[in-house]
N, C-alpha and C. Protein backbone atom coordinates (compact mmCIF):
# COMPACT_ATOMS: atom_id res chain seq x y z
N MET A 1 83.71 89.25 -144.18
CA MET A 1 82.29 88.92 -144.18
C MET A 1 81.48 90.04 -143.64
N ARG A 2 80.34 90.14 -144.17
CA ARG A 2 79.39 91.23 -143.76
C ARG A 2 78.97 91.09 -142.28
N LYS A 3 78.79 92.17 -141.59
CA LYS A 3 78.31 92.08 -140.23
C LYS A 3 76.82 91.77 -140.24
N ARG A 4 76.08 92.27 -141.19
CA ARG A 4 74.65 92.02 -141.31
C ARG A 4 74.50 91.06 -142.46
N ASN A 5 74.32 89.79 -142.09
CA ASN A 5 74.29 88.82 -143.21
C ASN A 5 72.87 88.06 -143.29
N VAL A 6 71.84 88.66 -142.53
CA VAL A 6 70.56 88.12 -142.65
C VAL A 6 69.66 89.04 -143.45
N ALA A 7 69.13 88.55 -144.60
CA ALA A 7 68.30 89.31 -145.41
C ALA A 7 66.87 89.09 -144.97
N VAL A 8 66.06 90.21 -144.92
CA VAL A 8 64.66 90.20 -144.64
C VAL A 8 63.90 90.81 -145.77
N LEU A 9 63.01 90.01 -146.33
CA LEU A 9 62.12 90.56 -147.39
C LEU A 9 60.75 90.56 -146.98
N PHE A 10 60.07 91.71 -147.13
CA PHE A 10 58.65 91.74 -146.84
C PHE A 10 58.03 92.72 -147.85
N ARG A 11 56.72 92.53 -148.06
CA ARG A 11 56.06 93.34 -149.05
C ARG A 11 55.14 94.41 -148.40
N LEU A 12 55.03 95.51 -149.14
CA LEU A 12 54.14 96.59 -148.73
C LEU A 12 53.25 96.91 -149.88
N ASP A 13 52.15 97.45 -149.67
CA ASP A 13 51.26 97.92 -150.72
C ASP A 13 51.83 99.34 -151.10
N ARG A 14 51.28 99.86 -152.21
CA ARG A 14 51.77 101.15 -152.75
C ARG A 14 51.72 102.23 -151.67
N LYS A 15 50.60 102.32 -151.03
CA LYS A 15 50.45 103.40 -150.05
C LYS A 15 51.43 103.28 -148.89
N GLU A 16 51.56 102.07 -148.40
CA GLU A 16 52.62 101.85 -147.30
C GLU A 16 54.03 102.15 -147.76
N ALA A 17 54.37 101.73 -149.00
CA ALA A 17 55.67 102.16 -149.56
C ALA A 17 55.92 103.57 -149.74
N GLU A 18 54.87 104.26 -150.24
CA GLU A 18 55.03 105.74 -150.35
C GLU A 18 55.10 106.37 -149.00
N SER A 19 54.43 105.96 -147.99
CA SER A 19 54.47 106.56 -146.66
C SER A 19 55.90 106.27 -146.12
N LEU A 20 56.44 105.06 -146.29
CA LEU A 20 57.78 104.71 -145.78
C LEU A 20 58.84 105.59 -146.46
N ASP A 21 58.73 105.65 -147.82
CA ASP A 21 59.71 106.42 -148.57
C ASP A 21 59.71 107.92 -148.20
N LYS A 22 58.45 108.39 -147.95
CA LYS A 22 58.34 109.82 -147.55
C LYS A 22 59.05 110.09 -146.20
N LYS A 23 58.80 109.17 -145.24
CA LYS A 23 59.44 109.29 -143.91
C LYS A 23 60.95 109.14 -144.00
N VAL A 24 61.45 108.23 -144.86
CA VAL A 24 62.86 107.96 -144.95
C VAL A 24 63.50 109.13 -145.61
N LYS A 25 62.82 109.76 -146.61
CA LYS A 25 63.39 110.96 -147.27
C LYS A 25 63.58 112.12 -146.25
N LYS A 26 62.51 112.32 -145.41
CA LYS A 26 62.55 113.36 -144.44
C LYS A 26 63.60 113.16 -143.40
N SER A 27 63.88 111.95 -143.14
CA SER A 27 64.90 111.68 -142.09
C SER A 27 66.33 111.84 -142.63
N GLY A 28 66.52 111.74 -143.95
CA GLY A 28 67.86 111.83 -144.42
C GLY A 28 68.69 110.53 -144.34
N LEU A 29 68.06 109.46 -143.82
CA LEU A 29 68.67 108.18 -143.62
C LEU A 29 68.38 107.27 -144.83
N SER A 30 69.17 106.24 -144.89
CA SER A 30 68.83 105.19 -145.92
C SER A 30 67.58 104.47 -145.40
N ARG A 31 66.90 103.75 -146.26
CA ARG A 31 65.77 102.94 -145.89
C ARG A 31 66.20 101.87 -144.87
N GLU A 32 67.31 101.27 -144.99
CA GLU A 32 67.73 100.25 -144.12
C GLU A 32 68.08 100.89 -142.74
N ALA A 33 68.75 101.97 -142.68
CA ALA A 33 69.07 102.63 -141.45
C ALA A 33 67.84 103.13 -140.69
N TYR A 34 66.83 103.56 -141.47
CA TYR A 34 65.52 104.01 -140.92
C TYR A 34 64.81 102.81 -140.20
N LEU A 35 64.77 101.73 -140.96
CA LEU A 35 64.07 100.52 -140.46
C LEU A 35 64.78 99.94 -139.19
N ARG A 36 66.15 99.95 -139.25
CA ARG A 36 66.95 99.55 -138.13
C ARG A 36 66.60 100.32 -136.89
N GLN A 37 66.55 101.58 -137.02
CA GLN A 37 66.23 102.42 -135.82
C GLN A 37 64.75 102.12 -135.27
N LEU A 38 63.77 101.87 -136.21
CA LEU A 38 62.49 101.48 -135.76
C LEU A 38 62.56 100.18 -134.97
N ILE A 39 63.30 99.21 -135.48
CA ILE A 39 63.44 97.93 -134.82
C ILE A 39 64.09 98.10 -133.43
N GLN A 40 64.97 99.09 -133.29
CA GLN A 40 65.69 99.37 -132.04
C GLN A 40 64.74 100.08 -131.05
N GLY A 41 63.50 100.44 -131.51
CA GLY A 41 62.48 101.14 -130.65
C GLY A 41 62.56 102.66 -130.62
N VAL A 42 63.16 103.21 -131.63
CA VAL A 42 63.23 104.65 -131.75
C VAL A 42 62.65 105.11 -133.18
N VAL A 43 62.05 106.31 -133.09
CA VAL A 43 61.54 106.83 -134.31
C VAL A 43 62.55 107.91 -134.81
N PRO A 44 63.07 107.72 -136.03
CA PRO A 44 64.08 108.72 -136.46
C PRO A 44 63.44 109.99 -136.64
N ARG A 45 64.17 111.08 -136.33
CA ARG A 45 63.64 112.45 -136.49
C ARG A 45 63.91 112.90 -137.93
N ASP A 46 63.22 113.95 -138.37
CA ASP A 46 63.46 114.47 -139.70
C ASP A 46 64.88 115.07 -139.68
N ALA A 47 65.43 115.03 -140.85
CA ALA A 47 66.77 115.61 -141.00
C ALA A 47 66.76 117.09 -140.55
N PRO A 48 67.75 117.52 -139.86
CA PRO A 48 67.77 118.97 -139.41
C PRO A 48 67.99 119.90 -140.69
N LEU A 49 67.46 121.11 -140.55
CA LEU A 49 67.74 122.16 -141.54
C LEU A 49 69.28 122.39 -141.57
N PRO A 50 69.77 122.85 -142.76
CA PRO A 50 71.20 123.20 -142.82
C PRO A 50 71.61 124.22 -141.70
N ASP A 51 70.68 125.14 -141.36
CA ASP A 51 70.95 126.08 -140.30
C ASP A 51 71.41 125.45 -138.97
N TYR A 52 70.88 124.29 -138.68
CA TYR A 52 71.24 123.55 -137.48
C TYR A 52 72.77 123.36 -137.38
N TYR A 53 73.43 122.88 -138.44
CA TYR A 53 74.78 122.59 -138.46
C TYR A 53 75.58 123.95 -138.32
N ALA A 54 75.18 124.90 -138.91
CA ALA A 54 75.82 126.25 -138.83
C ALA A 54 75.70 126.71 -137.38
N MET A 55 74.56 126.61 -136.72
CA MET A 55 74.44 126.97 -135.39
C MET A 55 75.33 126.14 -134.51
N MET A 56 75.35 124.81 -134.63
CA MET A 56 76.16 124.02 -133.86
C MET A 56 77.74 124.35 -134.01
N ARG A 57 78.05 124.68 -135.22
CA ARG A 57 79.50 125.01 -135.48
C ARG A 57 79.81 126.34 -134.66
N GLU A 58 78.87 127.27 -134.71
CA GLU A 58 79.07 128.51 -134.07
C GLU A 58 79.14 128.28 -132.48
N LEU A 59 78.25 127.42 -132.01
CA LEU A 59 78.27 127.15 -130.50
C LEU A 59 79.57 126.46 -130.17
N HIS A 60 80.11 125.57 -130.99
CA HIS A 60 81.34 124.94 -130.66
C HIS A 60 82.50 125.82 -130.69
N LYS A 61 82.45 126.86 -131.68
CA LYS A 61 83.56 127.92 -131.60
C LYS A 61 83.47 128.70 -130.37
N ILE A 62 82.29 129.03 -129.87
CA ILE A 62 82.16 129.79 -128.68
C ILE A 62 82.67 128.92 -127.57
N GLY A 63 82.33 127.63 -127.53
CA GLY A 63 82.88 126.81 -126.44
C GLY A 63 84.39 126.72 -126.52
N ASN A 64 84.94 126.56 -127.59
CA ASN A 64 86.40 126.52 -127.72
C ASN A 64 86.98 127.86 -127.18
N ASN A 65 86.42 129.01 -127.56
CA ASN A 65 86.94 130.28 -126.98
C ASN A 65 86.78 130.41 -125.52
N LEU A 66 85.67 129.91 -125.01
CA LEU A 66 85.46 129.93 -123.52
C LEU A 66 86.51 129.03 -122.85
N ASN A 67 86.87 127.97 -123.50
CA ASN A 67 87.86 127.01 -122.94
C ASN A 67 89.22 127.70 -122.92
N GLN A 68 89.58 128.43 -123.96
CA GLN A 68 90.82 129.15 -124.00
C GLN A 68 90.89 130.22 -122.96
N ILE A 69 89.81 130.95 -122.78
CA ILE A 69 89.68 131.99 -121.77
C ILE A 69 89.88 131.37 -120.41
N ALA A 70 89.17 130.22 -120.25
CA ALA A 70 89.29 129.59 -118.88
C ALA A 70 90.71 129.19 -118.59
N GLN A 71 91.39 128.61 -119.56
CA GLN A 71 92.79 128.25 -119.27
C GLN A 71 93.60 129.40 -118.88
N LYS A 72 93.47 130.49 -119.59
CA LYS A 72 94.22 131.76 -119.17
C LYS A 72 93.78 132.27 -117.81
N ALA A 73 92.49 132.21 -117.61
CA ALA A 73 91.97 132.73 -116.30
C ALA A 73 92.47 131.93 -115.13
N HIS A 74 92.54 130.62 -115.31
CA HIS A 74 92.91 129.77 -114.19
C HIS A 74 94.43 130.09 -113.87
N VAL A 75 95.23 130.42 -114.92
CA VAL A 75 96.57 130.69 -114.68
C VAL A 75 96.83 132.08 -114.02
N LEU A 76 96.12 133.05 -114.58
CA LEU A 76 96.21 134.46 -114.09
C LEU A 76 95.36 134.82 -112.88
N HIS A 77 94.46 133.93 -112.58
CA HIS A 77 93.45 134.18 -111.46
C HIS A 77 92.78 135.51 -111.62
N VAL A 78 92.28 135.84 -112.81
CA VAL A 78 91.66 137.10 -113.15
C VAL A 78 90.13 137.02 -113.20
N VAL A 79 89.68 135.83 -113.51
CA VAL A 79 88.24 135.67 -113.71
C VAL A 79 87.63 134.83 -112.59
N ASP A 80 86.40 135.08 -112.32
CA ASP A 80 85.64 134.26 -111.32
C ASP A 80 85.52 132.87 -111.85
N VAL A 81 86.32 131.94 -111.50
CA VAL A 81 86.43 130.63 -112.06
C VAL A 81 85.16 129.84 -111.86
N GLN A 82 84.54 129.99 -110.66
CA GLN A 82 83.27 129.27 -110.35
C GLN A 82 82.15 129.73 -111.31
N ARG A 83 82.08 131.00 -111.46
CA ARG A 83 81.02 131.49 -112.35
C ARG A 83 81.24 131.11 -113.84
N TYR A 84 82.50 131.15 -114.21
CA TYR A 84 82.80 130.72 -115.63
C TYR A 84 82.55 129.24 -115.76
N ASP A 85 82.91 128.47 -114.88
CA ASP A 85 82.59 126.99 -114.98
C ASP A 85 81.17 126.72 -115.07
N LYS A 86 80.39 127.48 -114.23
CA LYS A 86 78.91 127.28 -114.28
C LYS A 86 78.32 127.67 -115.69
N GLU A 87 78.88 128.73 -116.27
CA GLU A 87 78.48 129.12 -117.61
C GLU A 87 78.81 128.09 -118.69
N VAL A 88 79.93 127.55 -118.52
CA VAL A 88 80.47 126.45 -119.48
C VAL A 88 79.47 125.25 -119.36
N ARG A 89 79.11 124.94 -118.18
CA ARG A 89 78.15 123.75 -117.99
C ARG A 89 76.83 124.09 -118.66
N LYS A 90 76.34 125.35 -118.48
CA LYS A 90 75.06 125.72 -119.14
C LYS A 90 75.26 125.68 -120.65
N PHE A 91 76.37 126.10 -121.22
CA PHE A 91 76.67 125.97 -122.65
C PHE A 91 76.57 124.59 -123.07
N GLU A 92 77.31 123.67 -122.46
CA GLU A 92 77.37 122.26 -122.79
C GLU A 92 75.99 121.64 -122.73
N GLU A 93 75.21 122.04 -121.73
CA GLU A 93 73.85 121.49 -121.52
C GLU A 93 72.95 121.99 -122.70
N THR A 94 73.12 123.21 -123.10
CA THR A 94 72.37 123.81 -124.20
C THR A 94 72.63 122.98 -125.56
N VAL A 95 73.91 122.80 -125.81
CA VAL A 95 74.26 122.06 -127.01
C VAL A 95 73.72 120.65 -126.90
N ARG A 96 73.73 120.00 -125.79
CA ARG A 96 73.19 118.67 -125.67
C ARG A 96 71.68 118.69 -125.95
N ARG A 97 71.03 119.65 -125.41
CA ARG A 97 69.51 119.71 -125.55
C ARG A 97 69.14 120.01 -127.02
N ILE A 98 69.91 120.91 -127.67
CA ILE A 98 69.65 121.17 -129.07
C ILE A 98 69.85 119.97 -129.93
N THR A 99 70.93 119.23 -129.62
CA THR A 99 71.23 117.98 -130.35
C THR A 99 70.11 116.92 -130.09
N GLU A 100 69.70 116.83 -128.84
CA GLU A 100 68.71 115.84 -128.49
C GLU A 100 67.36 116.12 -129.21
N ALA A 101 67.03 117.47 -129.19
CA ALA A 101 65.70 117.88 -129.74
C ALA A 101 65.69 117.82 -131.31
N VAL A 102 66.83 117.99 -131.92
CA VAL A 102 66.82 118.10 -133.35
C VAL A 102 67.35 116.87 -134.05
N ILE A 103 68.33 116.24 -133.46
CA ILE A 103 69.03 115.20 -134.29
C ILE A 103 68.63 113.75 -133.74
N LEU A 104 68.75 113.52 -132.47
CA LEU A 104 68.61 112.13 -131.97
C LEU A 104 67.24 111.58 -132.16
N PRO A 105 67.11 110.29 -132.51
CA PRO A 105 65.81 109.74 -132.62
C PRO A 105 65.07 109.67 -131.25
N GLU A 106 63.81 109.71 -131.33
CA GLU A 106 63.01 109.69 -130.08
C GLU A 106 62.47 108.32 -129.86
N LYS A 107 62.33 107.90 -128.58
CA LYS A 107 61.85 106.62 -128.27
C LYS A 107 60.34 106.45 -128.69
N ILE A 108 60.01 105.20 -129.08
CA ILE A 108 58.66 104.91 -129.46
C ILE A 108 57.84 104.79 -128.20
N GLU A 109 56.79 105.55 -128.15
CA GLU A 109 55.88 105.44 -127.00
C GLU A 109 54.84 104.38 -127.34
N SER A 110 54.31 103.72 -126.25
CA SER A 110 53.27 102.70 -126.49
C SER A 110 52.13 103.35 -127.19
N GLY A 111 51.64 102.72 -128.31
CA GLY A 111 50.57 103.22 -129.12
C GLY A 111 51.08 104.11 -130.23
N ASN A 112 52.32 104.52 -130.22
CA ASN A 112 52.86 105.39 -131.27
C ASN A 112 53.82 104.52 -132.06
N ARG A 113 53.48 104.22 -133.29
CA ARG A 113 54.38 103.41 -134.16
C ARG A 113 55.12 104.25 -135.20
N GLY A 114 55.06 105.59 -135.00
CA GLY A 114 55.79 106.44 -135.91
C GLY A 114 55.09 106.64 -137.26
N ASP A 115 53.80 106.36 -137.35
CA ASP A 115 53.11 106.48 -138.56
C ASP A 115 52.23 107.65 -138.69
N GLN A 116 52.65 108.70 -137.97
CA GLN A 116 51.90 109.89 -138.02
C GLN A 116 52.35 110.86 -139.12
């Protein structure tokens, strides 16, 4: 049985439908997923440019390399471990901020219904 078994039908005029379709297309989501996010109190962001994914893959490669270096450094006691750990935390925070800024939907502020 379907998890979502309640159908909701409502009507829009042509202008409203065009506006919704434009926003849905920019988000890269389905119309249903877009509306579900609005119902949950967040405005979906526009789909990121393909460069975003390439940048994130590169950052993750760097992170994996740092992790391998750290494992070796901890064994050999050759690297300043505290400094390295601090840099890894900065790296992870940067990845989180990029993802938050580009991918994650933003909360609806009072007075903002996402119709801009």
